[in-house]
Amino acid sequence: MFGYIIWDVNPEIFSIGSFSVRWYGLLFASGFLIGQRIMTHIFRKEGLKESLLDSLLLTMVIATVIGARLGHFLFYEPEVLLKNPLQVITPPFAGLASHGATIGILLGLYIYARNKKMNFLWVVDRIVIGVALGGCFIRLGNLMNSEIVGKVTDVPWAFVFTRNFEFTQYPRHPAQLYEAIACFILCGLLFWIWNKRKTQTPQGLLLGIFLIWVFGLRFVFEFFKENQVAFENELTYNMGQILSIPAVLMGVMFLIHAFRVKGTKQEIFTDPTAEEENRSDSQPAKS
């Protein structure tokens, strides 16, 4: 047992009466705040007004939470959704599905881009940089909660999750860390690609890489995890893997599109009037 990591972290940072601040909530919120700073940097470099970011942040928060909650109940607990649909928007928001969050974010950004008369793929290609970092923080939050644990293993970096009473005692894969590290690397890769190309980034490229990387690795990492719900034990592939397949295929489609439009002028706005209104006084960065 001396070769394993004993994980006995309290998920609460502190509490005052019935009110408590948890690591998961702090990390979840930090993902949005740091993502906002990343987008601020991108908007400045590409010569856009930062006033566009306020509604973008609001869109991301609402789309992520509602999408993740709906996805959780649709994919994992549909019977709860039918009995009590208000539970989707009722705190403490226990149960979030990344596949549902992805769908919610894409729909939310489509509405945002349409309202702002912006190119949808331009917006999504930039936002996935922050989303990748947010995914890292969320998985670290899962680690602090001792949830979404891996299968029993004898690798020297295995964790014993003493606070998870369902899967305690035995050393297990720290599957949350695997995904957190993968998302952190992806964030760096996407930012590097954007920073190198900026306005010349083929539209759909970063989104395609994001979908293939996140959900391709998600399919692999699921082999190291315990199933989240009982019905998955009867399936050849669990729900996370099944839902990852169309996401990867969608990513391939966006990559193909990106290579097709490579070298052509990429417009940020779909309306010249909107571009004039939302261009900052500074010039966009040259690639």
Protein backbone atom coordinates (compact mmCIF):
# COMPACT_ATOMS: atom_id res chain seq x y z
CA MET A 1 0.00 0.00 0.00
CA PHE A 2 3.00 2.36 0.44
CA GLY A 3 3.24 2.61 -3.37
CA TYR A 4 -0.25 4.08 -3.69
CA ILE A 5 -1.63 7.55 -3.12
CA ILE A 6 -4.15 7.80 -0.30
CA TRP A 7 -6.71 10.38 -1.45
CA ASP A 8 -8.60 11.73 1.57
CA VAL A 9 -9.35 15.32 0.53
CA ASN A 10 -12.39 17.06 1.97
CA PRO A 11 -14.55 18.30 -0.96
CA GLU A 12 -15.54 21.32 1.15
CA ILE A 13 -13.09 24.22 1.50
CA PHE A 14 -15.05 25.73 4.38
CA SER A 15 -18.62 26.00 5.60
CA ILE A 16 -20.64 28.55 7.55
CA GLY A 17 -23.76 26.94 8.94
CA SER A 18 -25.59 25.28 6.06
CA PHE A 19 -23.60 27.25 3.48
CA SER A 20 -20.45 25.63 2.16
CA VAL A 21 -17.84 26.42 -0.47
CA ARG A 22 -16.66 23.34 -2.33
CA TRP A 23 -13.61 22.76 -4.47
CA TYR A 24 -15.78 21.64 -7.39
CA GLY A 25 -17.76 24.87 -7.44
CA LEU A 26 -14.63 27.00 -7.13
CA LEU A 27 -12.91 25.16 -9.99
CA PHE A 28 -16.07 25.23 -12.12
CA ALA A 29 -16.37 29.02 -11.72
CA SER A 30 -12.63 29.50 -12.27
CA GLY A 31 -12.94 27.82 -15.66
CA PHE A 32 -15.37 30.51 -16.81
CA LEU A 33 -13.36 33.38 -15.36
CA ILE A 34 -10.03 32.30 -16.85
CA GLY A 35 -11.77 31.44 -20.11
CA GLN A 36 -13.07 35.02 -20.14
CA ARG A 37 -9.52 36.32 -19.77
CA ILE A 38 -8.37 34.14 -22.66
CA MET A 39 -11.16 35.48 -24.87
CA THR A 40 -10.32 39.05 -23.82
CA HIS A 41 -6.75 38.49 -25.02
CA ILE A 42 -8.00 37.02 -28.31
CA PHE A 43 -10.45 39.87 -28.94
CA ARG A 44 -7.73 42.44 -28.30
CA LYS A 45 -5.30 40.72 -30.64
CA GLU A 46 -7.89 40.44 -33.41
CA GLY A 47 -9.15 43.98 -32.98
CA LEU A 48 -12.64 43.46 -31.55
CA LYS A 49 -14.45 45.43 -28.87
CA GLU A 50 -14.41 43.77 -25.46
CA SER A 51 -18.04 44.78 -24.91
CA LEU A 52 -18.97 41.70 -26.95
CA LEU A 53 -17.59 39.51 -24.17
CA ASP A 54 -20.21 40.27 -21.51
CA SER A 55 -23.02 38.57 -23.40
CA LEU A 56 -20.62 35.83 -24.50
CA LEU A 57 -19.82 34.92 -20.89
CA LEU A 58 -23.51 34.89 -19.96
CA THR A 59 -24.26 32.70 -22.98
CA MET A 60 -21.51 30.25 -22.02
CA VAL A 61 -22.64 29.93 -18.39
CA ILE A 62 -26.31 29.36 -19.25
CA ALA A 63 -25.61 27.04 -22.21
CA THR A 64 -23.07 24.97 -20.27
CA VAL A 65 -25.19 24.43 -17.16
CA ILE A 66 -28.49 23.74 -18.95
CA GLY A 67 -26.83 21.58 -21.60
CA ALA A 68 -24.87 19.57 -19.04
CA ARG A 69 -27.90 19.09 -16.80
CA LEU A 70 -30.24 18.09 -19.61
CA GLY A 71 -27.59 15.80 -21.03
CA HIS A 72 -27.13 14.06 -17.68
CA PHE A 73 -30.83 13.28 -17.31
CA LEU A 74 -31.42 12.43 -20.98
CA PHE A 75 -28.43 10.09 -21.22
CA TYR A 76 -28.17 8.68 -17.69
CA GLU A 77 -31.41 9.27 -15.74
CA PRO A 78 -34.30 9.85 -18.18
CA GLU A 79 -36.85 8.64 -15.64
CA VAL A 80 -35.96 11.53 -13.29
CA LEU A 81 -36.41 14.05 -16.11
CA LEU A 82 -39.90 12.73 -16.80
CA LYS A 83 -40.95 12.78 -13.15
CA ASN A 84 -39.43 16.11 -12.11
CA PRO A 85 -38.20 18.25 -15.05
CA LEU A 86 -37.60 21.25 -12.75
CA GLN A 87 -34.71 19.32 -11.18
CA VAL A 88 -32.67 20.31 -14.23
CA ILE A 89 -32.45 23.92 -13.01
CA THR A 90 -32.64 23.22 -9.29
CA PRO A 91 -29.47 23.47 -7.13
CA PRO A 92 -27.17 21.83 -6.16
CA PHE A 93 -26.88 20.68 -9.81
CA ALA A 94 -25.60 17.21 -8.97
CA GLY A 95 -24.94 15.46 -12.27
CA LEU A 96 -23.40 17.14 -15.30
CA ALA A 97 -22.74 15.47 -18.66
CA SER A 98 -19.93 16.78 -20.87
CA HIS A 99 -21.67 15.60 -24.04
CA GLY A 100 -24.77 17.56 -23.09
CA ALA A 101 -22.62 20.58 -22.25
CA THR A 102 -21.01 20.39 -25.71
CA ILE A 103 -24.39 20.37 -27.43
CA GLY A 104 -25.63 23.21 -25.23
CA ILE A 105 -22.53 25.33 -25.90
CA LEU A 106 -22.76 24.85 -29.67
CA LEU A 107 -26.45 25.82 -29.69
CA GLY A 108 -25.85 28.76 -27.38
CA LEU A 109 -22.97 30.06 -29.49
CA TYR A 110 -25.04 29.69 -32.65
CA ILE A 111 -27.67 31.98 -31.11
CA TYR A 112 -24.97 34.37 -29.88
CA ALA A 113 -23.26 34.53 -33.28
CA ARG A 114 -26.55 35.09 -35.06
CA ASN A 115 -27.55 37.92 -32.72
CA LYS A 116 -24.15 39.60 -33.03
CA LYS A 117 -24.00 38.89 -36.79
CA MET A 118 -20.71 37.05 -36.34
CA ASN A 119 -19.33 33.99 -38.10
CA PHE A 120 -20.32 31.00 -35.96
CA LEU A 121 -17.17 29.00 -36.67
CA TRP A 122 -14.94 31.97 -35.87
CA VAL A 123 -16.55 32.26 -32.44
CA VAL A 124 -16.46 28.53 -31.69
CA ASP A 125 -12.86 28.13 -32.82
CA ARG A 126 -11.77 30.66 -30.21
CA ILE A 127 -14.06 29.62 -27.40
CA VAL A 128 -12.87 25.98 -27.42
CA ILE A 129 -9.47 27.16 -26.14
CA GLY A 130 -11.06 28.25 -22.88
CA VAL A 131 -13.48 25.32 -22.87
CA ALA A 132 -10.54 22.90 -22.94
CA LEU A 133 -9.09 24.57 -19.85
CA GLY A 134 -12.53 24.53 -18.24
CA GLY A 135 -12.70 20.78 -18.88
CA CYS A 136 -9.39 20.42 -17.03
CA PHE A 137 -10.76 22.31 -14.03
CA ILE A 138 -13.98 20.29 -13.98
CA ARG A 139 -12.08 17.00 -13.90
CA LEU A 140 -9.92 18.35 -11.09
CA GLY A 141 -13.19 19.16 -9.33
CA ASN A 142 -14.27 15.54 -9.82
CA LEU A 143 -10.98 14.50 -8.24
CA MET A 144 -11.59 16.74 -5.23
CA ASN A 145 -15.06 15.15 -4.92
CA SER A 146 -13.55 11.64 -5.18
CA GLU A 147 -16.04 10.86 -7.97
CA ILE A 148 -15.84 9.33 -11.47
CA VAL A 149 -13.15 7.00 -10.18
CA GLY A 150 -11.17 4.50 -12.22
CA LYS A 151 -11.03 0.74 -12.10
CA VAL A 152 -8.87 -1.25 -9.70
CA THR A 153 -5.21 -1.28 -10.73
CA ASP A 154 -1.72 -1.92 -9.40
CA VAL A 155 0.05 0.96 -11.18
CA PRO A 156 2.29 2.94 -8.77
CA TRP A 157 0.31 6.17 -9.30
CA ALA A 158 -3.00 4.55 -8.30
CA PHE A 159 -5.28 6.40 -5.87
CA VAL A 160 -7.20 4.97 -2.93
CA PHE A 161 -10.34 7.12 -2.67
CA THR A 162 -11.10 6.80 1.03
CA ARG A 163 -14.08 9.18 0.88
CA ASN A 164 -15.85 7.31 -1.92
CA PHE A 165 -17.72 4.69 0.09
CA GLU A 166 -18.90 2.83 -3.02
CA PHE A 167 -15.41 2.35 -4.45
CA THR A 168 -13.12 2.49 -1.43
CA GLN A 169 -10.25 0.34 -0.08
CA TYR A 170 -8.71 -0.71 -3.41
CA PRO A 171 -6.22 1.38 -5.43
CA ARG A 172 -7.71 2.69 -8.66
CA HIS A 173 -6.81 4.58 -11.81
CA PRO A 174 -7.04 8.36 -11.20
CA ALA A 175 -9.17 8.68 -14.35
CA GLN A 176 -10.07 12.26 -13.46
CA LEU A 177 -6.39 13.21 -13.67
CA TYR A 178 -5.97 11.50 -17.03
CA GLU A 179 -8.69 13.65 -18.53
CA ALA A 180 -7.57 16.81 -16.71
CA ILE A 181 -4.03 16.47 -18.08
CA ALA A 182 -5.35 15.74 -21.59
CA CYS A 183 -7.54 18.87 -21.51
CA PHE A 184 -4.68 21.02 -20.21
CA ILE A 185 -2.42 19.88 -23.05
CA LEU A 186 -5.23 20.48 -25.54
CA CYS A 187 -5.71 24.04 -24.27
CA GLY A 188 -2.02 24.75 -24.82
CA LEU A 189 -2.09 23.18 -28.30
CA LEU A 190 -5.16 25.13 -29.43
CA PHE A 191 -3.79 28.40 -28.08
CA TRP A 192 -0.46 27.79 -29.84
CA ILE A 193 -2.19 27.14 -33.17
CA TRP A 194 -4.35 30.25 -32.82
CA ASN A 195 -1.41 32.40 -31.67
CA LYS A 196 0.60 31.32 -34.71
CA ARG A 197 -2.19 32.00 -37.24
CA LYS A 198 -4.65 34.35 -35.53
CA THR A 199 -6.93 35.82 -38.23
CA GLN A 200 -5.64 33.27 -40.75
CA THR A 201 -6.77 30.26 -38.72
CA PRO A 202 -8.93 28.11 -41.08
CA GLN A 203 -12.44 28.19 -39.68
CA GLY A 204 -13.45 24.90 -38.11
CA LEU A 205 -9.85 23.79 -37.51
CA LEU A 206 -9.73 24.35 -33.74
CA LEU A 207 -13.24 23.01 -33.22
CA GLY A 208 -12.39 19.88 -35.20
CA ILE A 209 -9.22 19.27 -33.18
CA PHE A 210 -11.12 19.88 -29.95
CA LEU A 211 -13.88 17.36 -30.72
CA ILE A 212 -11.50 14.65 -31.94
CA TRP A 213 -9.07 15.11 -29.04
CA VAL A 214 -11.58 15.39 -26.18
CA PHE A 215 -14.01 12.69 -27.24
CA GLY A 216 -11.48 10.40 -28.89
CA LEU A 217 -9.54 10.27 -25.62
CA ARG A 218 -12.80 10.12 -23.67
CA PHE A 219 -13.61 6.88 -25.54
CA VAL A 220 -10.22 5.48 -24.47
CA PHE A 221 -10.32 6.73 -20.87
CA GLU A 222 -13.71 5.12 -20.30
CA PHE A 223 -11.98 1.72 -20.39
CA PHE A 224 -10.18 2.77 -17.20
CA LYS A 225 -13.31 4.03 -15.39
CA GLU A 226 -16.05 2.44 -13.35
CA ASN A 227 -19.46 2.77 -15.02
CA GLN A 228 -21.50 5.66 -13.67
CA VAL A 229 -24.93 4.01 -13.82
CA ALA A 230 -26.02 0.39 -13.47
CA PHE A 231 -27.51 -0.09 -16.95
CA GLU A 232 -24.07 0.52 -18.50
CA ASN A 233 -22.90 -2.80 -17.07
CA GLU A 234 -25.03 -4.54 -19.70
CA LEU A 235 -23.53 -2.60 -22.61
CA THR A 236 -20.47 -3.47 -24.71
CA TYR A 237 -19.51 0.21 -24.61
CA ASN A 238 -20.76 2.56 -21.92
CA MET A 239 -22.83 5.67 -22.57
CA GLY A 240 -19.80 7.98 -22.54
CA GLN A 241 -18.19 5.95 -25.31
CA ILE A 242 -21.35 5.66 -27.39
CA LEU A 243 -21.91 9.43 -27.27
CA SER A 244 -18.26 10.13 -28.08
CA ILE A 245 -18.41 8.40 -31.48
CA PRO A 246 -20.66 10.98 -33.23
CA ALA A 247 -18.68 13.80 -31.58
CA VAL A 248 -15.43 12.49 -33.09
CA LEU A 249 -17.07 12.08 -36.50
CA MET A 250 -18.33 15.65 -36.28
CA GLY A 251 -14.79 16.76 -35.48
CA VAL A 252 -13.51 15.01 -38.61
CA MET A 253 -16.13 16.86 -40.66
CA PHE A 254 -14.98 20.22 -39.31
CA LEU A 255 -11.35 19.36 -40.03
CA ILE A 256 -12.22 18.49 -43.62
CA HIS A 257 -14.07 21.80 -43.92
CA ALA A 258 -11.08 23.67 -42.48
CA PHE A 259 -8.69 22.20 -45.03
CA ARG A 260 -11.12 23.03 -47.82
CA VAL A 261 -11.30 26.70 -46.91
CA LYS A 262 -7.61 26.99 -46.02
CA GLY A 263 -6.06 30.01 -47.71
CA THR A 264 -9.35 31.82 -48.28
CA LYS A 265 -10.26 35.04 -46.49
CA GLN A 266 -11.99 34.31 -43.20
CA GLU A 267 -14.63 36.86 -42.24
CA ILE A 268 -15.42 37.46 -38.57
CA PHE A 269 -18.74 39.21 -39.17
CA THR A 270 -21.53 38.34 -41.57
CA ASP A 271 -22.66 41.96 -41.81
CA PRO A 272 -20.29 44.88 -42.70
CA THR A 273 -22.30 47.22 -40.48
CA ALA A 274 -21.84 44.94 -37.46
CA GLU A 275 -18.10 44.78 -38.16
CA GLU A 276 -17.80 48.57 -38.17
CA GLU A 277 -19.67 48.82 -34.88
CA ASN A 278 -17.67 46.12 -33.11
CA ARG A 279 -14.16 46.81 -34.36
CA SER A 280 -11.96 48.40 -31.71
CA ASP A 281 -9.69 51.34 -32.42
CA SER A 282 -6.68 49.01 -32.46
CA GLN A 283 -5.80 47.08 -35.59
CA PRO A 284 -6.18 43.28 -35.68
CA ALA A 285 -3.02 41.27 -35.25
CA LYS A 286 -1.08 40.32 -38.32
CA SER A 287 -0.25 36.66 -38.75
